[in-house]
Amino acid sequence: KMHGMEVPMSPDEHFQDIKRVISATSGHACR
């Protein structure tokens, strides 16, 4: 939901989530 509207996720947003996970590791993962 964005501004009360249901919005389907695009490939761009899925790719952004990958980067969010990488960011959330804070550099602590071995690989």
mmCIF file of all heavy atoms, coordinates in Angstrom:
data_MODEL
# 
_entry.id   MODEL 
# 
loop_
_atom_site.group_PDB 
_atom_site.id 
_atom_site.type_symbol 
_atom_site.label_atom_id 
_atom_site.label_alt_id 
_atom_site.label_comp_id 
_atom_site.label_asym_id 
_atom_site.label_entity_id 
_atom_site.label_seq_id 
_atom_site.pdbx_PDB_ins_code 
_atom_site.Cartn_x 
_atom_site.Cartn_y 
_atom_site.Cartn_z 
_atom_site.occupancy 
_atom_site.B_iso_or_equiv 
_atom_site.pdbx_formal_charge 
_atom_site.auth_seq_id 
_atom_site.auth_comp_id 
_atom_site.auth_asym_id 
_atom_site.auth_atom_id 
_atom_site.pdbx_PDB_model_num 
ATOM 1   N N   . LYS A 1 1  ? 0.829  -1.200  0.000   1.00 0.00 ? 1  LYS A N   1 
ATOM 2   C CA  . LYS A 1 1  ? 0.000  0.000   0.000   1.00 0.00 ? 1  LYS A CA  1 
ATOM 3   C C   . LYS A 1 1  ? 0.864  1.250   0.000   1.00 0.00 ? 1  LYS A C   1 
ATOM 4   O O   . LYS A 1 1  ? 1.784  1.379   0.782   1.00 0.00 ? 1  LYS A O   1 
ATOM 5   C CB  . LYS A 1 1  ? -0.947 0.001   1.194   1.00 0.00 ? 1  LYS A CB  1 
ATOM 6   C CG  . LYS A 1 1  ? -2.141 -0.921  1.012   1.00 0.00 ? 1  LYS A CG  1 
ATOM 7   C CD  . LYS A 1 1  ? -3.265 -0.589  1.957   1.00 0.00 ? 1  LYS A CD  1 
ATOM 8   C CE  . LYS A 1 1  ? -4.506 -1.397  1.584   1.00 0.00 ? 1  LYS A CE  1 
ATOM 9   N NZ  . LYS A 1 1  ? -5.639 -1.094  2.491   1.00 0.00 ? 1  LYS A NZ  1 
ATOM 10  N N   . MET A 1 2  ? 0.542  2.173   -0.892  1.00 0.00 ? 2  MET A N   1 
ATOM 11  C CA  . MET A 1 2  ? 1.223  3.458   -0.969  1.00 0.00 ? 2  MET A CA  1 
ATOM 12  C C   . MET A 1 2  ? 0.153  4.544   -1.115  1.00 0.00 ? 2  MET A C   1 
ATOM 13  O O   . MET A 1 2  ? -0.650 4.487   -2.043  1.00 0.00 ? 2  MET A O   1 
ATOM 14  C CB  . MET A 1 2  ? 2.191  3.499   -2.160  1.00 0.00 ? 2  MET A CB  1 
ATOM 15  C CG  . MET A 1 2  ? 2.957  4.807   -2.291  1.00 0.00 ? 2  MET A CG  1 
ATOM 16  S SD  . MET A 1 2  ? 4.234  4.764   -3.579  1.00 0.00 ? 2  MET A SD  1 
ATOM 17  C CE  . MET A 1 2  ? 3.210  4.687   -5.053  1.00 0.00 ? 2  MET A CE  1 
ATOM 18  N N   . HIS A 1 3  ? 0.131  5.467   -0.149  1.00 0.00 ? 3  HIS A N   1 
ATOM 19  C CA  . HIS A 1 3  ? -0.898 6.506   -0.141  1.00 0.00 ? 3  HIS A CA  1 
ATOM 20  C C   . HIS A 1 3  ? -2.300 5.894   -0.214  1.00 0.00 ? 3  HIS A C   1 
ATOM 21  O O   . HIS A 1 3  ? -3.195 6.426   -0.883  1.00 0.00 ? 3  HIS A O   1 
ATOM 22  C CB  . HIS A 1 3  ? -0.691 7.495   -1.290  1.00 0.00 ? 3  HIS A CB  1 
ATOM 23  C CG  . HIS A 1 3  ? 0.556  8.311   -1.154  1.00 0.00 ? 3  HIS A CG  1 
ATOM 24  N ND1 . HIS A 1 3  ? 0.640  9.428   -0.331  1.00 0.00 ? 3  HIS A ND1 1 
ATOM 25  C CD2 . HIS A 1 3  ? 1.797  8.172   -1.709  1.00 0.00 ? 3  HIS A CD2 1 
ATOM 26  C CE1 . HIS A 1 3  ? 1.854  9.941   -0.406  1.00 0.00 ? 3  HIS A CE1 1 
ATOM 27  N NE2 . HIS A 1 3  ? 2.577  9.197   -1.231  1.00 0.00 ? 3  HIS A NE2 1 
ATOM 28  N N   . GLY A 1 4  ? -2.453 4.739   0.453   1.00 0.00 ? 4  GLY A N   1 
ATOM 29  C CA  . GLY A 1 4  ? -3.752 4.088   0.515   1.00 0.00 ? 4  GLY A CA  1 
ATOM 30  C C   . GLY A 1 4  ? -4.118 3.271   -0.700  1.00 0.00 ? 4  GLY A C   1 
ATOM 31  O O   . GLY A 1 4  ? -5.187 2.647   -0.741  1.00 0.00 ? 4  GLY A O   1 
ATOM 32  N N   . MET A 1 5  ? -3.254 3.239   -1.695  1.00 0.00 ? 5  MET A N   1 
ATOM 33  C CA  . MET A 1 5  ? -3.529 2.481   -2.921  1.00 0.00 ? 5  MET A CA  1 
ATOM 34  C C   . MET A 1 5  ? -2.705 1.199   -2.953  1.00 0.00 ? 5  MET A C   1 
ATOM 35  O O   . MET A 1 5  ? -1.566 1.169   -2.498  1.00 0.00 ? 5  MET A O   1 
ATOM 36  C CB  . MET A 1 5  ? -3.196 3.323   -4.160  1.00 0.00 ? 5  MET A CB  1 
ATOM 37  C CG  . MET A 1 5  ? -4.016 4.595   -4.289  1.00 0.00 ? 5  MET A CG  1 
ATOM 38  S SD  . MET A 1 5  ? -3.521 5.580   -5.738  1.00 0.00 ? 5  MET A SD  1 
ATOM 39  C CE  . MET A 1 5  ? -1.910 6.179   -5.191  1.00 0.00 ? 5  MET A CE  1 
ATOM 40  N N   . GLU A 1 6  ? -3.295 0.127   -3.483  1.00 0.00 ? 6  GLU A N   1 
ATOM 41  C CA  . GLU A 1 6  ? -2.580 -1.142  -3.625  1.00 0.00 ? 6  GLU A CA  1 
ATOM 42  C C   . GLU A 1 6  ? -1.697 -1.069  -4.871  1.00 0.00 ? 6  GLU A C   1 
ATOM 43  O O   . GLU A 1 6  ? -2.207 -0.827  -5.983  1.00 0.00 ? 6  GLU A O   1 
ATOM 44  C CB  . GLU A 1 6  ? -3.568 -2.296  -3.743  1.00 0.00 ? 6  GLU A CB  1 
ATOM 45  C CG  . GLU A 1 6  ? -3.003 -3.654  -3.361  1.00 0.00 ? 6  GLU A CG  1 
ATOM 46  C CD  . GLU A 1 6  ? -2.695 -3.792  -1.879  1.00 0.00 ? 6  GLU A CD  1 
ATOM 47  O OE1 . GLU A 1 6  ? -3.354 -3.114  -1.064  1.00 0.00 ? 6  GLU A OE1 1 
ATOM 48  O OE2 . GLU A 1 6  ? -1.791 -4.575  -1.544  1.00 0.00 ? 6  GLU A OE2 1 
ATOM 49  N N   . VAL A 1 7  ? -0.389 -1.270  -4.681  1.00 0.00 ? 7  VAL A N   1 
ATOM 50  C CA  . VAL A 1 7  ? 0.570  -1.120  -5.776  1.00 0.00 ? 7  VAL A CA  1 
ATOM 51  C C   . VAL A 1 7  ? 1.337  -2.429  -5.982  1.00 0.00 ? 7  VAL A C   1 
ATOM 52  O O   . VAL A 1 7  ? 1.936  -2.943  -5.038  1.00 0.00 ? 7  VAL A O   1 
ATOM 53  C CB  . VAL A 1 7  ? 1.585  0.013   -5.478  1.00 0.00 ? 7  VAL A CB  1 
ATOM 54  C CG1 . VAL A 1 7  ? 2.570  0.168   -6.624  1.00 0.00 ? 7  VAL A CG1 1 
ATOM 55  C CG2 . VAL A 1 7  ? 0.861  1.326   -5.214  1.00 0.00 ? 7  VAL A CG2 1 
ATOM 56  N N   . PRO A 1 8  ? 1.315  -3.000  -7.201  1.00 0.00 ? 8  PRO A N   1 
ATOM 57  C CA  . PRO A 1 8  ? 2.100  -4.226  -7.446  1.00 0.00 ? 8  PRO A CA  1 
ATOM 58  C C   . PRO A 1 8  ? 3.590  -3.916  -7.469  1.00 0.00 ? 8  PRO A C   1 
ATOM 59  O O   . PRO A 1 8  ? 4.005  -2.870  -7.967  1.00 0.00 ? 8  PRO A O   1 
ATOM 60  C CB  . PRO A 1 8  ? 1.609  -4.696  -8.811  1.00 0.00 ? 8  PRO A CB  1 
ATOM 61  C CG  . PRO A 1 8  ? 1.106  -3.451  -9.478  1.00 0.00 ? 8  PRO A CG  1 
ATOM 62  C CD  . PRO A 1 8  ? 0.573  -2.564  -8.395  1.00 0.00 ? 8  PRO A CD  1 
ATOM 63  N N   . MET A 1 9  ? 4.391  -4.828  -6.929  1.00 0.00 ? 9  MET A N   1 
ATOM 64  C CA  . MET A 1 9  ? 5.842  -4.627  -6.911  1.00 0.00 ? 9  MET A CA  1 
ATOM 65  C C   . MET A 1 9  ? 6.428  -4.895  -8.293  1.00 0.00 ? 9  MET A C   1 
ATOM 66  O O   . MET A 1 9  ? 6.088  -5.881  -8.948  1.00 0.00 ? 9  MET A O   1 
ATOM 67  C CB  . MET A 1 9  ? 6.506  -5.529  -5.870  1.00 0.00 ? 9  MET A CB  1 
ATOM 68  C CG  . MET A 1 9  ? 6.289  -5.067  -4.446  1.00 0.00 ? 9  MET A CG  1 
ATOM 69  S SD  . MET A 1 9  ? 7.265  -5.995  -3.243  1.00 0.00 ? 9  MET A SD  1 
ATOM 70  C CE  . MET A 1 9  ? 8.922  -5.374  -3.599  1.00 0.00 ? 9  MET A CE  1 
ATOM 71  N N   . SER A 1 10 ? 7.318  -4.034  -8.698  1.00 0.00 ? 10 SER A N   1 
ATOM 72  C CA  . SER A 1 10 ? 7.996  -4.160  -9.990  1.00 0.00 ? 10 SER A CA  1 
ATOM 73  C C   . SER A 1 10 ? 9.377  -4.788  -9.776  1.00 0.00 ? 10 SER A C   1 
ATOM 74  O O   . SER A 1 10 ? 9.858  -4.860  -8.641  1.00 0.00 ? 10 SER A O   1 
ATOM 75  C CB  . SER A 1 10 ? 8.158  -2.781  -10.626 1.00 0.00 ? 10 SER A CB  1 
ATOM 76  O OG  . SER A 1 10 ? 9.111  -2.018  -9.892  1.00 0.00 ? 10 SER A OG  1 
ATOM 77  N N   . PRO A 1 11 ? 10.038 -5.231  -10.849 1.00 0.00 ? 11 PRO A N   1 
ATOM 78  C CA  . PRO A 1 11 ? 11.409 -5.734  -10.714 1.00 0.00 ? 11 PRO A CA  1 
ATOM 79  C C   . PRO A 1 11 ? 12.347 -4.725  -10.055 1.00 0.00 ? 11 PRO A C   1 
ATOM 80  O O   . PRO A 1 11 ? 13.237 -5.111  -9.283  1.00 0.00 ? 11 PRO A O   1 
ATOM 81  C CB  . PRO A 1 11 ? 11.817 -6.013  -12.161 1.00 0.00 ? 11 PRO A CB  1 
ATOM 82  C CG  . PRO A 1 11 ? 10.531 -6.347  -12.848 1.00 0.00 ? 11 PRO A CG  1 
ATOM 83  C CD  . PRO A 1 11 ? 9.518  -5.431  -12.221 1.00 0.00 ? 11 PRO A CD  1 
ATOM 84  N N   . ASP A 1 12 ? 12.154 -3.435  -10.329 1.00 0.00 ? 12 ASP A N   1 
ATOM 85  C CA  . ASP A 1 12 ? 12.992 -2.411  -9.715  1.00 0.00 ? 12 ASP A CA  1 
ATOM 86  C C   . ASP A 1 12 ? 12.892 -2.461  -8.191  1.00 0.00 ? 12 ASP A C   1 
ATOM 87  O O   . ASP A 1 12 ? 13.898 -2.350  -7.482  1.00 0.00 ? 12 ASP A O   1 
ATOM 88  C CB  . ASP A 1 12 ? 12.572 -1.012  -10.194 1.00 0.00 ? 12 ASP A CB  1 
ATOM 89  C CG  . ASP A 1 12 ? 12.859 -0.789  -11.670 1.00 0.00 ? 12 ASP A CG  1 
ATOM 90  O OD1 . ASP A 1 12 ? 13.559 -1.611  -12.274 1.00 0.00 ? 12 ASP A OD1 1 
ATOM 91  O OD2 . ASP A 1 12 ? 12.380 0.214   -12.217 1.00 0.00 ? 12 ASP A OD2 1 
ATOM 92  N N   . GLU A 1 13 ? 11.676 -2.619  -7.684  1.00 0.00 ? 13 GLU A N   1 
ATOM 93  C CA  . GLU A 1 13 ? 11.473 -2.640  -6.228  1.00 0.00 ? 13 GLU A CA  1 
ATOM 94  C C   . GLU A 1 13 ? 11.999 -3.933  -5.605  1.00 0.00 ? 13 GLU A C   1 
ATOM 95  O O   . GLU A 1 13 ? 12.530 -3.922  -4.496  1.00 0.00 ? 13 GLU A O   1 
ATOM 96  C CB  . GLU A 1 13 ? 9.990  -2.448  -5.926  1.00 0.00 ? 13 GLU A CB  1 
ATOM 97  C CG  . GLU A 1 13 ? 9.516  -1.029  -6.250  1.00 0.00 ? 13 GLU A CG  1 
ATOM 98  C CD  . GLU A 1 13 ? 8.013  -0.905  -6.277  1.00 0.00 ? 13 GLU A CD  1 
ATOM 99  O OE1 . GLU A 1 13 ? 7.362  -1.663  -7.001  1.00 0.00 ? 13 GLU A OE1 1 
ATOM 100 O OE2 . GLU A 1 13 ? 7.501  -0.038  -5.562  1.00 0.00 ? 13 GLU A OE2 1 
ATOM 101 N N   . HIS A 1 14 ? 11.859 -5.042  -6.316  1.00 0.00 ? 14 HIS A N   1 
ATOM 102 C CA  . HIS A 1 14 ? 12.431 -6.297  -5.818  1.00 0.00 ? 14 HIS A CA  1 
ATOM 103 C C   . HIS A 1 14 ? 13.955 -6.197  -5.726  1.00 0.00 ? 14 HIS A C   1 
ATOM 104 O O   . HIS A 1 14 ? 14.563 -6.665  -4.754  1.00 0.00 ? 14 HIS A O   1 
ATOM 105 C CB  . HIS A 1 14 ? 12.054 -7.456  -6.753  1.00 0.00 ? 14 HIS A CB  1 
ATOM 106 C CG  . HIS A 1 14 ? 10.613 -7.852  -6.680  1.00 0.00 ? 14 HIS A CG  1 
ATOM 107 N ND1 . HIS A 1 14 ? 9.977  -8.134  -5.493  1.00 0.00 ? 14 HIS A ND1 1 
ATOM 108 C CD2 . HIS A 1 14 ? 9.691  -8.044  -7.661  1.00 0.00 ? 14 HIS A CD2 1 
ATOM 109 C CE1 . HIS A 1 14 ? 8.718  -8.481  -5.738  1.00 0.00 ? 14 HIS A CE1 1 
ATOM 110 N NE2 . HIS A 1 14 ? 8.525  -8.422  -7.047  1.00 0.00 ? 14 HIS A NE2 1 
ATOM 111 N N   . PHE A 1 15 ? 14.551 -5.573  -6.725  1.00 0.00 ? 15 PHE A N   1 
ATOM 112 C CA  . PHE A 1 15 ? 16.007 -5.419  -6.716  1.00 0.00 ? 15 PHE A CA  1 
ATOM 113 C C   . PHE A 1 15 ? 16.437 -4.497  -5.571  1.00 0.00 ? 15 PHE A C   1 
ATOM 114 O O   . PHE A 1 15 ? 17.456 -4.732  -4.918  1.00 0.00 ? 15 PHE A O   1 
ATOM 115 C CB  . PHE A 1 15 ? 16.493 -4.860  -8.057  1.00 0.00 ? 15 PHE A CB  1 
ATOM 116 C CG  . PHE A 1 15 ? 17.993 -4.787  -8.179  1.00 0.00 ? 15 PHE A CG  1 
ATOM 117 C CD1 . PHE A 1 15 ? 18.756 -5.937  -8.251  1.00 0.00 ? 15 PHE A CD1 1 
ATOM 118 C CD2 . PHE A 1 15 ? 18.649 -3.564  -8.215  1.00 0.00 ? 15 PHE A CD2 1 
ATOM 119 C CE1 . PHE A 1 15 ? 20.138 -5.885  -8.358  1.00 0.00 ? 15 PHE A CE1 1 
ATOM 120 C CE2 . PHE A 1 15 ? 20.022 -3.492  -8.322  1.00 0.00 ? 15 PHE A CE2 1 
ATOM 121 C CZ  . PHE A 1 15 ? 20.779 -4.653  -8.390  1.00 0.00 ? 15 PHE A CZ  1 
ATOM 122 N N   . GLN A 1 16 ? 15.650 -3.485  -5.314  1.00 0.00 ? 16 GLN A N   1 
ATOM 123 C CA  . GLN A 1 16 ? 15.952 -2.576  -4.202  1.00 0.00 ? 16 GLN A CA  1 
ATOM 124 C C   . GLN A 1 16 ? 15.927 -3.332  -2.867  1.00 0.00 ? 16 GLN A C   1 
ATOM 125 O O   . GLN A 1 16 ? 16.735 -3.054  -1.969  1.00 0.00 ? 16 GLN A O   1 
ATOM 126 C CB  . GLN A 1 16 ? 14.933 -1.431  -4.181  1.00 0.00 ? 16 GLN A CB  1 
ATOM 127 C CG  . GLN A 1 16 ? 15.247 -0.318  -3.195  1.00 0.00 ? 16 GLN A CG  1 
ATOM 128 C CD  . GLN A 1 16 ? 16.480 0.481   -3.578  1.00 0.00 ? 16 GLN A CD  1 
ATOM 129 O OE1 . GLN A 1 16 ? 16.852 0.518   -4.747  1.00 0.00 ? 16 GLN A OE1 1 
ATOM 130 N NE2 . GLN A 1 16 ? 17.126 1.092   -2.609  1.00 0.00 ? 16 GLN A NE2 1 
ATOM 131 N N   . ASP A 1 17 ? 15.027 -4.306  -2.735  1.00 0.00 ? 17 ASP A N   1 
ATOM 132 C CA  . ASP A 1 17 ? 14.962 -5.103  -1.501  1.00 0.00 ? 17 ASP A CA  1 
ATOM 133 C C   . ASP A 1 17 ? 16.223 -5.951  -1.303  1.00 0.00 ? 17 ASP A C   1 
ATOM 134 O O   . ASP A 1 17 ? 16.644 -6.192  -0.172  1.00 0.00 ? 17 ASP A O   1 
ATOM 135 C CB  . ASP A 1 17 ? 13.721 -5.993  -1.505  1.00 0.00 ? 17 ASP A CB  1 
ATOM 136 C CG  . ASP A 1 17 ? 12.471 -5.259  -1.007  1.00 0.00 ? 17 ASP A CG  1 
ATOM 137 O OD1 . ASP A 1 17 ? 12.619 -4.148  -0.463  1.00 0.00 ? 17 ASP A OD1 1 
ATOM 138 O OD2 . ASP A 1 17 ? 11.363 -5.802  -1.159  1.00 0.00 ? 17 ASP A OD2 1 
ATOM 139 N N   . ILE A 1 18 ? 16.803 -6.424  -2.405  1.00 0.00 ? 18 ILE A N   1 
ATOM 140 C CA  . ILE A 1 18 ? 18.072 -7.163  -2.296  1.00 0.00 ? 18 ILE A CA  1 
ATOM 141 C C   . ILE A 1 18 ? 19.129 -6.258  -1.675  1.00 0.00 ? 18 ILE A C   1 
ATOM 142 O O   . ILE A 1 18 ? 19.864 -6.655  -0.758  1.00 0.00 ? 18 ILE A O   1 
ATOM 143 C CB  . ILE A 1 18 ? 18.548 -7.655  -3.687  1.00 0.00 ? 18 ILE A CB  1 
ATOM 144 C CG1 . ILE A 1 18 ? 17.594 -8.716  -4.233  1.00 0.00 ? 18 ILE A CG1 1 
ATOM 145 C CG2 . ILE A 1 18 ? 19.972 -8.213  -3.599  1.00 0.00 ? 18 ILE A CG2 1 
ATOM 146 C CD1 . ILE A 1 18 ? 17.918 -9.158  -5.654  1.00 0.00 ? 18 ILE A CD1 1 
ATOM 147 N N   . LYS A 1 19 ? 19.190 -5.020  -2.154  1.00 0.00 ? 19 LYS A N   1 
ATOM 148 C CA  . LYS A 1 19 ? 20.175 -4.069  -1.627  1.00 0.00 ? 19 LYS A CA  1 
ATOM 149 C C   . LYS A 1 19 ? 19.887 -3.731  -0.160  1.00 0.00 ? 19 LYS A C   1 
ATOM 150 O O   . LYS A 1 19 ? 20.816 -3.501  0.621   1.00 0.00 ? 19 LYS A O   1 
ATOM 151 C CB  . LYS A 1 19 ? 20.203 -2.815  -2.500  1.00 0.00 ? 19 LYS A CB  1 
ATOM 152 C CG  . LYS A 1 19 ? 20.722 -3.082  -3.919  1.00 0.00 ? 19 LYS A CG  1 
ATOM 153 C CD  . LYS A 1 19 ? 20.895 -1.807  -4.714  1.00 0.00 ? 19 LYS A CD  1 
ATOM 154 C CE  . LYS A 1 19 ? 19.570 -1.235  -5.140  1.00 0.00 ? 19 LYS A CE  1 
ATOM 155 N NZ  . LYS A 1 19 ? 19.735 -0.020  -5.970  1.00 0.00 ? 19 LYS A NZ  1 
ATOM 156 N N   . ARG A 1 20 ? 18.597 -3.713  0.203   1.00 0.00 ? 20 ARG A N   1 
ATOM 157 C CA  . ARG A 1 20 ? 18.245 -3.455  1.603   1.00 0.00 ? 20 ARG A CA  1 
ATOM 158 C C   . ARG A 1 20 ? 18.772 -4.572  2.516   1.00 0.00 ? 20 ARG A C   1 
ATOM 159 O O   . ARG A 1 20 ? 19.243 -4.305  3.623   1.00 0.00 ? 20 ARG A O   1 
ATOM 160 C CB  . ARG A 1 20 ? 16.727 -3.322  1.745   1.00 0.00 ? 20 ARG A CB  1 
ATOM 161 C CG  . ARG A 1 20 ? 16.171 -2.033  1.146   1.00 0.00 ? 20 ARG A CG  1 
ATOM 162 C CD  . ARG A 1 20 ? 14.697 -1.858  1.493   1.00 0.00 ? 20 ARG A CD  1 
ATOM 163 N NE  . ARG A 1 20 ? 14.228 -0.565  1.011   1.00 0.00 ? 20 ARG A NE  1 
ATOM 164 C CZ  . ARG A 1 20 ? 13.423 -0.397  -0.033  1.00 0.00 ? 20 ARG A CZ  1 
ATOM 165 N NH1 . ARG A 1 20 ? 12.967 -1.446  -0.695  1.00 0.00 ? 20 ARG A NH1 1 
ATOM 166 N NH2 . ARG A 1 20 ? 13.062 0.807   -0.414  1.00 0.00 ? 20 ARG A NH2 1 
ATOM 167 N N   . VAL A 1 21 ? 18.666 -5.817  2.060   1.00 0.00 ? 21 VAL A N   1 
ATOM 168 C CA  . VAL A 1 21 ? 19.186 -6.931  2.865   1.00 0.00 ? 21 VAL A CA  1 
ATOM 169 C C   . VAL A 1 21 ? 20.696 -6.794  3.037   1.00 0.00 ? 21 VAL A C   1 
ATOM 170 O O   . VAL A 1 21 ? 21.228 -6.963  4.133   1.00 0.00 ? 21 VAL A O   1 
ATOM 171 C CB  . VAL A 1 21 ? 18.844 -8.297  2.212   1.00 0.00 ? 21 VAL A CB  1 
ATOM 172 C CG1 . VAL A 1 21 ? 19.514 -9.434  2.988   1.00 0.00 ? 21 VAL A CG1 1 
ATOM 173 C CG2 . VAL A 1 21 ? 17.339 -8.518  2.172   1.00 0.00 ? 21 VAL A CG2 1 
ATOM 174 N N   . ILE A 1 22 ? 21.380 -6.481  1.940   1.00 0.00 ? 22 ILE A N   1 
ATOM 175 C CA  . ILE A 1 22 ? 22.837 -6.305  2.010   1.00 0.00 ? 22 ILE A CA  1 
ATOM 176 C C   . ILE A 1 22 ? 23.174 -5.205  3.011   1.00 0.00 ? 22 ILE A C   1 
ATOM 177 O O   . ILE A 1 22 ? 24.080 -5.350  3.845   1.00 0.00 ? 22 ILE A O   1 
ATOM 178 C CB  . ILE A 1 22 ? 23.406 -5.965  0.617   1.00 0.00 ? 22 ILE A CB  1 
ATOM 179 C CG1 . ILE A 1 22 ? 23.185 -7.132  -0.349  1.00 0.00 ? 22 ILE A CG1 1 
ATOM 180 C CG2 . ILE A 1 22 ? 24.904 -5.643  0.718   1.00 0.00 ? 22 ILE A CG2 1 
ATOM 181 C CD1 . ILE A 1 22 ? 23.513 -6.814  -1.797  1.00 0.00 ? 22 ILE A CD1 1 
ATOM 182 N N   . SER A 1 23 ? 22.422 -4.103  2.951   1.00 0.00 ? 23 SER A N   1 
ATOM 183 C CA  . SER A 1 23 ? 22.648 -2.990  3.877   1.00 0.00 ? 23 SER A CA  1 
ATOM 184 C C   . SER A 1 23 ? 22.402 -3.415  5.318   1.00 0.00 ? 23 SER A C   1 
ATOM 185 O O   . SER A 1 23 ? 23.138 -3.026  6.237   1.00 0.00 ? 23 SER A O   1 
ATOM 186 C CB  . SER A 1 23 ? 21.737 -1.820  3.504   1.00 0.00 ? 23 SER A CB  1 
ATOM 187 O OG  . SER A 1 23 ? 21.808 -0.790  4.463   1.00 0.00 ? 23 SER A OG  1 
ATOM 188 N N   . ALA A 1 24 ? 21.360 -4.255  5.540   1.00 0.00 ? 24 ALA A N   1 
ATOM 189 C CA  . ALA A 1 24 ? 21.002 -4.681  6.896   1.00 0.00 ? 24 ALA A CA  1 
ATOM 190 C C   . ALA A 1 24 ? 22.066 -5.575  7.537   1.00 0.00 ? 24 ALA A C   1 
ATOM 191 O O   . ALA A 1 24 ? 22.136 -5.686  8.759   1.00 0.00 ? 24 ALA A O   1 
ATOM 192 C CB  . ALA A 1 24 ? 19.656 -5.397  6.875   1.00 0.00 ? 24 ALA A CB  1 
ATOM 193 N N   . THR A 1 25 ? 22.903 -6.211  6.720   1.00 0.00 ? 25 THR A N   1 
ATOM 194 C CA  . THR A 1 25 ? 23.970 -7.057  7.283   1.00 0.00 ? 25 THR A CA  1 
ATOM 195 C C   . THR A 1 25 ? 25.065 -6.214  7.929   1.00 0.00 ? 25 THR A C   1 
ATOM 196 O O   . THR A 1 25 ? 25.870 -6.742  8.707   1.00 0.00 ? 25 THR A O   1 
ATOM 197 C CB  . THR A 1 25 ? 24.610 -7.938  6.198   1.00 0.00 ? 25 THR A CB  1 
ATOM 198 O OG1 . THR A 1 25 ? 25.319 -7.116  5.257   1.00 0.00 ? 25 THR A OG1 1 
ATOM 199 C CG2 . THR A 1 25 ? 23.574 -8.781  5.474   1.00 0.00 ? 25 THR A CG2 1 
ATOM 200 N N   . SER A 1 26 ? 25.116 -4.943  7.585   1.00 0.00 ? 26 SER A N   1 
ATOM 201 C CA  . SER A 1 26 ? 26.111 -4.000  8.142   1.00 0.00 ? 26 SER A CA  1 
ATOM 202 C C   . SER A 1 26 ? 27.550 -4.478  7.942   1.00 0.00 ? 26 SER A C   1 
ATOM 203 O O   . SER A 1 26 ? 28.436 -4.172  8.744   1.00 0.00 ? 26 SER A O   1 
ATOM 204 C CB  . SER A 1 26 ? 25.840 -3.769  9.639   1.00 0.00 ? 26 SER A CB  1 
ATOM 205 O OG  . SER A 1 26 ? 24.537 -3.259  9.838   1.00 0.00 ? 26 SER A OG  1 
ATOM 206 N N   . GLY A 1 27 ? 27.780 -5.258  6.908   1.00 0.00 ? 27 GLY A N   1 
ATOM 207 C CA  . GLY A 1 27 ? 29.128 -5.722  6.604   1.00 0.00 ? 27 GLY A CA  1 
ATOM 208 C C   . GLY A 1 27 ? 29.611 -6.860  7.475   1.00 0.00 ? 27 GLY A C   1 
ATOM 209 O O   . GLY A 1 27 ? 30.790 -7.237  7.418   1.00 0.00 ? 27 GLY A O   1 
ATOM 210 N N   . HIS A 1 28 ? 28.712 -7.467  8.276   1.00 0.00 ? 28 HIS A N   1 
ATOM 211 C CA  . HIS A 1 28 ? 29.143 -8.503  9.226   1.00 0.00 ? 28 HIS A CA  1 
ATOM 212 C C   . HIS A 1 28 ? 29.205 -9.910  8.625   1.00 0.00 ? 28 HIS A C   1 
ATOM 213 O O   . HIS A 1 28 ? 29.839 -10.787 9.190   1.00 0.00 ? 28 HIS A O   1 
ATOM 214 C CB  . HIS A 1 28 ? 28.219 -8.518  10.442  1.00 0.00 ? 28 HIS A CB  1 
ATOM 215 C CG  . HIS A 1 28 ? 28.331 -7.295  11.298  1.00 0.00 ? 28 HIS A CG  1 
ATOM 216 N ND1 . HIS A 1 28 ? 29.541 -6.801  11.739  1.00 0.00 ? 28 HIS A ND1 1 
ATOM 217 C CD2 . HIS A 1 28 ? 27.378 -6.450  11.781  1.00 0.00 ? 28 HIS A CD2 1 
ATOM 218 C CE1 . HIS A 1 28 ? 29.327 -5.720  12.475  1.00 0.00 ? 28 HIS A CE1 1 
ATOM 219 N NE2 . HIS A 1 28 ? 28.027 -5.472  12.501  1.00 0.00 ? 28 HIS A NE2 1 
ATOM 220 N N   . ALA A 1 29 ? 28.481 -10.142 7.516   1.00 0.00 ? 29 ALA A N   1 
ATOM 221 C CA  . ALA A 1 29 ? 28.499 -11.478 6.918   1.00 0.00 ? 29 ALA A CA  1 
ATOM 222 C C   . ALA A 1 29 ? 29.876 -11.782 6.349   1.00 0.00 ? 29 ALA A C   1 
ATOM 223 O O   . ALA A 1 29 ? 30.569 -10.891 5.849   1.00 0.00 ? 29 ALA A O   1 
ATOM 224 C CB  . ALA A 1 29 ? 27.448 -11.573 5.811   1.00 0.00 ? 29 ALA A CB  1 
ATOM 225 N N   . CYS A 1 30 ? 30.258 -13.062 6.425   1.00 0.00 ? 30 CYS A N   1 
ATOM 226 C CA  . CYS A 1 30 ? 31.554 -13.476 5.866   1.00 0.00 ? 30 CYS A CA  1 
ATOM 227 C C   . CYS A 1 30 ? 31.547 -13.309 4.343   1.00 0.00 ? 30 CYS A C   1 
ATOM 228 O O   . CYS A 1 30 ? 32.493 -12.772 3.770   1.00 0.00 ? 30 CYS A O   1 
ATOM 229 C CB  . CYS A 1 30 ? 31.833 -14.923 6.243   1.00 0.00 ? 30 CYS A CB  1 
ATOM 230 S SG  . CYS A 1 30 ? 33.306 -15.607 5.490   1.00 0.00 ? 30 CYS A SG  1 
ATOM 231 N N   . ARG A 1 31 ? 30.483 -13.804 3.715   1.00 0.00 ? 31 ARG A N   1 
ATOM 232 C CA  . ARG A 1 31 ? 30.288 -13.644 2.272   1.00 0.00 ? 31 ARG A CA  1 
ATOM 233 C C   . ARG A 1 31 ? 28.812 -13.361 2.017   1.00 0.00 ? 31 ARG A C   1 
ATOM 234 O O   . ARG A 1 31 ? 27.950 -13.855 2.747   1.00 0.00 ? 31 ARG A O   1 
ATOM 235 C CB  . ARG A 1 31 ? 30.679 -14.905 1.498   1.00 0.00 ? 31 ARG A CB  1 
ATOM 236 C CG  . ARG A 1 31 ? 32.144 -15.214 1.436   1.00 0.00 ? 31 ARG A CG  1 
ATOM 237 C CD  . ARG A 1 31 ? 32.439 -16.265 0.351   1.00 0.00 ? 31 ARG A CD  1 
ATOM 238 N NE  . ARG A 1 31 ? 31.566 -17.432 0.423   1.00 0.00 ? 31 ARG A NE  1 
ATOM 239 C CZ  . ARG A 1 31 ? 31.586 -18.438 -0.468  1.00 0.00 ? 31 ARG A CZ  1 
ATOM 240 N NH1 . ARG A 1 31 ? 32.415 -18.388 -1.490  1.00 0.00 ? 31 ARG A NH1 1 
ATOM 241 N NH2 . ARG A 1 31 ? 30.783 -19.469 -0.328  1.00 0.00 ? 31 ARG A NH2 1 
# 
